[in-house]
Amino acid sequence: MQSVSAALGTEAGWAGSLDLVLGKRGDRTRVLGVEHRGPLRIQRPFYPEDGGAAHLYLLHPPGGIVGGDRLTISIRTEPDSAALVTNPAATKFYRSGGRTATVEQHLRVGAGAFLEWVPQEVIAFEGAEAESKTSIELEEGASFLGWEILCLGRPAAGEGFSRGRISQRLEVWRERQPLYLDRLLVAAEEPTIASAWGLGGYPVVGTMILAGGPQGLVSLVRESTNSDFAHGLGLGATELEGATVVRYVGPSVRDCWRAFLTIWTTVRPMFCGRPAVPPRIWAC
């Protein structure tokens, strides 16, 4: 019989993992393998668009991550498959009693495959202690479109991030060669939030990666966000060798989302030849 401590986690925190293998079978991308441990699940895939791309929702039933939790997500897509992965709600790092929560996400995109990693934002509550790492590995001819958004504190509730520590790493590799390596460290003893070279006092930072698409996307990205809502936003776009990086730094998760969704809607057809179809869960 499973013990209560094993079923509910222990004082050391949750230890959860999710391993997915996706591959194209017939006219659709299907889940070929799934293994999970602890509080991580997926819903059955949805197919809301032509072309057979699978839309997958990652589920974390506890609803938040606390100090001592250790979560690992691994997704591997086979050649020529297509998948979009998101989650139904923001990820929350709660205030810690001193232990560090860790989240590692490893995404491997097979040759000629297309993966969209479009999670909702991460909210770091004041006093959170957390480390997050997302690593994307692209094989020959693979393409990737995705983002990560971090909100420090809860600005709408008047809560900042004067206590705690967040380390966030984002890496993109093509055939074992680095395309983009970034690390953000926010801590009470660090000047990152307030400094002009850091976040300039703003609580929200988002990074969007466009890899494996056509060259010259920077001009298109800038044109697509040249609208009233984007005017004056802290948006920047940089063309790297093999990838385009878009960065938002500003006061609002909502504005970051709107900008990223506008860019996604504009450039997605250039990656896969199909219009952007927002996951149904975003409308809930």
Foldseek 3Di string as FASTA:
>chain_A
DDDPCQQPPHPLAAEKEKEWEWEDDDQAIATPDIDMDTQKDKDHWDDPDPRHETEIAIGRVVQEGEFNYEYEYEYEYEAQHHYEYEYLDEYEQEAYPPHEYEYEYEYEYYALYEYEYEYAAYEYAANGEYEYEYEYEYEHLYWYKYKYKYFAHDVVVVGGHLAYKYKYWYWYYYPNHTFDTDIDIDHNPDCQQCDPVHLVVAGMKMKIKTFNFDPDCQVVLVVLQPDDLNVPWQWDWDDTVGMIMIMGRHHDSVSVVVSSVSSCQRCVCRVPVDGDDDDPSVVD
